[in-house]
Amino acid sequence: MLLRLLLVAVVLPGISGCRQTVPNDPAKMSFFVTSVQSGDGGNIGGLAGADAHCQRLATAAGSTRREWRAYLSAAPEDGRLAVNARDRIGAGPWSNVKGVQIAASVADLHGPNNAMGRTTALFETAETPRFFPHDIMTGSNPDGTLASGDATCRNWTSNQGQTMLGHSDRQGSCCGDRAQSWNSAHPSNGCSLTDLQATGGGGLFYCFAAK
C-alpha cells in the first residue's frame, strides 16, 4: 500500500505538468505575424491593403481591437513623405495571442532587450512560424525607419523590386549579427512569391494594434 502511494505521488506531478498550457486570449492580443499571405508576393495593395489584411485576420481570430496596422515602411511618393514602420503602430505595450508581452513601448521594441523571438512571434492563430517562413517583410532599418534603396516592393504595390526582411525567430547564418534582427536582417531576392520563398519567406508581415 505504501509503495502504491509513493508511486502516485511521483507520477501525478509529471502528468499535471504535461497538461499545462497557456490559453489563447485574442481579446488581449495586440501583435501577431500574419498566418497567410496577402496579394501577390510583395504586391499587397499598399499600406492600406496591408492594414486591411491585419484587420481581417485579427477579427477572424477573435480580436476586439479597433485599429490594426502593418509594420511596414514606405518610400516618398507623389508628394507624400516617407513612412516609417515604427510611427504606424501606436505606443504599446504589445502582447501576442498567448498574452506574452513582446515590448512595452516603441523604444523597447527597437532596443537590444526586447522579447521578440521564436517563441513569442506567433501567428494570430497562436501557431509558431517555423524556420521557414521566418523572413518577414518590413522595408525597415533596425530602428524601424525606412530602409535605404529598393526596400519596399515599390511601396507594396508590385512583385518587382526588393524588400528588407526581418527574421521572426532571430536566427540565421546569412548575415552576421543582422541575422538576429527581427525587422532588418537582409534584403529579399525579389518581390515575387517565388523570390520571397527562395530566401525563406512567404510574403508575411507583422501586425500591431495601434489602438
Protein backbone atom coordinates (compact mmCIF):
# COMPACT_ATOMS: atom_id res chain seq x y z
CA MET A 1 0.00 0.00 0.00
CA LEU A 2 2.79 2.40 0.94
CA LEU A 3 4.58 1.61 -2.32
CA ARG A 4 1.43 2.46 -4.31
CA LEU A 5 1.05 5.81 -2.57
CA LEU A 6 4.67 6.68 -3.32
CA LEU A 7 4.22 5.80 -6.99
CA VAL A 8 1.13 8.02 -7.23
CA ALA A 9 2.97 10.90 -5.57
CA VAL A 10 5.79 10.61 -8.10
CA VAL A 11 3.67 10.13 -11.23
CA LEU A 12 0.91 12.71 -10.71
CA PRO A 13 3.13 15.84 -10.81
CA GLY A 14 4.54 14.69 -14.14
CA ILE A 15 1.06 14.15 -15.56
CA SER A 16 -0.10 17.54 -14.35
CA GLY A 17 2.94 19.25 -15.85
CA CYS A 18 2.30 17.72 -19.27
CA ARG A 19 -1.20 19.16 -19.36
CA GLN A 20 -0.27 22.73 -18.51
CA THR A 21 -0.86 25.04 -21.46
CA VAL A 22 -1.14 28.78 -21.86
CA PRO A 23 -4.63 29.60 -23.17
CA ASN A 24 -5.14 31.89 -26.13
CA ASP A 25 -6.53 35.34 -25.39
CA PRO A 26 -7.43 37.04 -28.69
CA ALA A 27 -9.16 39.89 -26.87
CA LYS A 28 -5.83 40.96 -25.37
CA MET A 29 -3.76 40.22 -28.49
CA SER A 30 -2.04 43.32 -29.86
CA PHE A 31 0.68 41.78 -32.03
CA PHE A 32 0.99 38.88 -34.47
CA VAL A 33 2.68 37.59 -37.61
CA THR A 34 0.24 37.17 -40.49
CA SER A 35 -0.52 33.48 -40.90
CA VAL A 36 -1.35 33.74 -44.59
CA GLN A 37 -0.08 35.92 -47.41
CA SER A 38 -1.99 38.83 -48.85
CA GLY A 39 -1.93 39.59 -52.55
CA ASP A 40 0.87 38.54 -54.89
CA GLY A 41 4.24 38.40 -53.13
CA GLY A 42 5.15 41.96 -52.21
CA ASN A 43 2.13 43.35 -54.03
CA ILE A 44 -0.23 43.59 -51.07
CA GLY A 45 -2.28 46.64 -52.02
CA GLY A 46 0.00 49.24 -50.47
CA LEU A 47 -0.09 50.17 -46.81
CA ALA A 48 -3.89 50.39 -46.86
CA GLY A 49 -4.18 46.86 -48.22
CA ALA A 50 -1.71 45.55 -45.63
CA ASP A 51 -3.59 47.24 -42.79
CA ALA A 52 -6.86 45.75 -44.01
CA HIS A 53 -5.28 42.28 -44.09
CA CYS A 54 -4.16 42.72 -40.47
CA GLN A 55 -7.69 43.78 -39.52
CA ARG A 56 -9.30 40.80 -41.25
CA LEU A 57 -7.00 38.24 -39.66
CA ALA A 58 -7.30 39.80 -36.21
CA THR A 59 -11.09 39.94 -36.40
CA ALA A 60 -11.30 36.34 -37.58
CA ALA A 61 -9.12 35.30 -34.64
CA GLY A 62 -11.47 36.98 -32.17
CA SER A 63 -9.68 40.26 -31.54
CA THR A 64 -11.73 43.22 -30.31
CA ARG A 65 -9.04 45.79 -31.11
CA ARG A 66 -10.31 48.68 -33.20
CA GLU A 67 -7.31 49.56 -35.34
CA TRP A 68 -4.57 47.28 -36.64
CA ARG A 69 -1.53 48.43 -38.61
CA ALA A 70 1.04 46.56 -40.66
CA TYR A 71 4.64 47.03 -39.57
CA LEU A 72 5.83 48.32 -42.94
CA SER A 73 7.78 51.37 -44.08
CA ALA A 74 7.17 53.14 -47.39
CA ALA A 75 9.25 55.43 -49.61
CA PRO A 76 8.30 59.03 -50.52
CA GLU A 77 5.90 59.07 -53.45
CA ASP A 78 3.67 61.57 -55.28
CA GLY A 79 4.50 64.36 -52.87
CA ARG A 80 3.98 62.20 -49.79
CA LEU A 81 6.73 61.91 -47.20
CA ALA A 82 8.46 58.67 -46.28
CA VAL A 83 6.62 56.43 -43.83
CA ASN A 84 8.48 54.71 -41.00
CA ALA A 85 7.06 51.46 -39.68
CA ARG A 86 7.78 52.49 -36.10
CA ASP A 87 5.48 55.52 -36.45
CA ARG A 88 2.47 53.48 -37.60
CA ILE A 89 1.92 51.11 -34.71
CA GLY A 90 0.90 53.17 -31.70
CA ALA A 91 2.69 53.46 -28.38
CA GLY A 92 2.42 49.93 -26.95
CA PRO A 93 2.61 47.79 -24.94
CA TRP A 94 2.08 44.82 -27.26
CA SER A 95 1.35 41.18 -26.45
CA ASN A 96 0.89 38.08 -28.56
CA VAL A 97 -2.21 35.87 -28.59
CA LYS A 98 -0.88 33.97 -25.55
CA GLY A 99 -0.74 37.20 -23.56
CA VAL A 100 3.07 37.32 -23.56
CA GLN A 101 4.35 40.89 -23.81
CA ILE A 102 6.87 41.37 -26.59
CA ALA A 103 7.55 45.06 -25.95
CA ALA A 104 6.42 47.80 -23.59
CA SER A 105 6.97 50.71 -25.95
CA VAL A 106 8.34 51.71 -29.35
CA ALA A 107 11.77 52.24 -27.81
CA ASP A 108 11.64 48.83 -26.12
CA LEU A 109 10.54 47.14 -29.35
CA HIS A 110 13.57 48.51 -31.20
CA GLY A 111 16.02 48.17 -28.32
CA PRO A 112 18.54 45.39 -27.60
CA ASN A 113 16.50 43.65 -24.91
CA ASN A 114 13.08 43.22 -26.48
CA ALA A 115 11.31 39.88 -26.13
CA MET A 116 10.61 39.26 -29.81
CA GLY A 117 11.76 35.82 -30.97
CA ARG A 118 10.94 32.27 -31.98
CA THR A 119 8.64 31.52 -29.05
CA THR A 120 6.85 34.89 -28.98
CA ALA A 121 6.47 35.96 -32.63
CA LEU A 122 3.27 33.96 -33.13
CA PHE A 123 0.61 33.89 -35.81
CA GLU A 124 -2.80 35.25 -34.81
CA THR A 125 -3.83 31.58 -34.68
CA ALA A 126 -1.28 31.02 -31.88
CA GLU A 127 0.92 28.82 -34.06
CA THR A 128 4.67 29.44 -34.23
CA PRO A 129 6.24 30.24 -37.61
CA ARG A 130 8.87 27.55 -38.16
CA PHE A 131 12.31 28.20 -39.62
CA PHE A 132 10.59 28.64 -42.99
CA PRO A 133 8.99 31.06 -43.48
CA HIS A 134 10.93 33.16 -40.98
CA ASP A 135 11.66 36.05 -43.37
CA ILE A 136 9.12 38.78 -42.66
CA MET A 137 8.65 41.81 -44.91
CA THR A 138 9.29 45.17 -43.22
CA GLY A 139 11.12 47.55 -45.59
CA SER A 140 12.81 48.89 -42.47
CA ASN A 141 16.09 49.54 -40.69
CA PRO A 142 16.71 48.04 -37.23
CA ASP A 143 15.34 51.24 -35.64
CA GLY A 144 12.09 50.96 -37.58
CA THR A 145 12.78 53.70 -40.10
CA LEU A 146 12.60 53.29 -43.87
CA ALA A 147 15.49 51.21 -45.22
CA SER A 148 17.55 52.81 -47.97
CA GLY A 149 17.45 51.79 -51.62
CA ASP A 150 14.87 49.49 -53.16
CA ALA A 151 13.37 48.02 -49.99
CA THR A 152 9.57 48.16 -50.15
CA CYS A 153 8.44 46.26 -53.28
CA ARG A 154 7.61 49.63 -54.81
CA ASN A 155 5.63 50.66 -51.78
CA TRP A 156 3.94 47.27 -51.51
CA THR A 157 2.21 47.51 -54.89
CA SER A 158 4.45 45.29 -57.03
CA ASN A 159 6.03 41.86 -57.24
CA GLN A 160 9.07 43.56 -58.78
CA GLY A 161 11.99 45.04 -56.87
CA GLN A 162 13.17 44.03 -53.40
CA THR A 163 12.21 44.35 -49.76
CA MET A 164 14.09 44.38 -46.48
CA LEU A 165 13.26 41.32 -44.39
CA GLY A 166 13.45 40.53 -40.69
CA HIS A 167 13.87 37.15 -39.00
CA SER A 168 10.88 36.36 -36.79
CA ASP A 169 12.93 33.71 -34.96
CA ARG A 170 16.00 35.97 -34.75
CA GLN A 171 18.17 33.19 -36.14
CA GLY A 172 20.12 32.53 -39.32
CA SER A 173 23.59 32.26 -40.81
CA CYS A 174 23.18 34.64 -43.73
CA CYS A 175 24.31 37.99 -42.49
CA GLY A 176 26.39 38.10 -39.31
CA ASP A 177 24.80 39.89 -36.38
CA ARG A 178 21.99 41.14 -38.61
CA ALA A 179 20.63 37.57 -38.70
CA GLN A 180 19.35 38.19 -35.17
CA SER A 181 17.29 41.19 -36.25
CA TRP A 182 13.53 40.65 -36.19
CA ASN A 183 12.93 43.55 -38.57
CA SER A 184 16.07 44.16 -40.68
CA ALA A 185 18.13 41.04 -41.37
CA HIS A 186 18.72 41.14 -45.15
CA PRO A 187 17.12 42.12 -48.49
CA SER A 188 14.99 39.65 -50.41
CA ASN A 189 15.94 38.11 -53.74
CA GLY A 190 12.93 39.90 -55.20
CA CYS A 191 9.28 40.64 -54.54
CA SER A 192 7.54 37.78 -56.31
CA LEU A 193 6.28 34.99 -54.08
CA THR A 194 8.84 32.66 -55.64
CA ASP A 195 11.68 35.07 -54.84
CA LEU A 196 10.43 35.61 -51.29
CA GLN A 197 10.18 31.87 -50.72
CA ALA A 198 13.72 31.40 -52.06
CA THR A 199 15.08 33.50 -49.19
CA GLY A 200 12.99 31.79 -46.52
CA GLY A 201 9.85 33.90 -46.64
CA GLY A 202 6.28 33.80 -47.83
CA GLY A 203 5.06 37.37 -48.19
CA LEU A 204 4.17 37.62 -44.49
CA PHE A 205 4.42 40.71 -42.28
CA TYR A 206 3.93 41.85 -38.68
CA CYS A 207 0.69 43.40 -37.41
CA PHE A 208 0.33 45.66 -34.37
CA ALA A 209 -2.72 47.10 -32.64
CA ALA A 210 -2.31 50.87 -32.81
CA LYS A 211 -5.34 51.44 -30.59
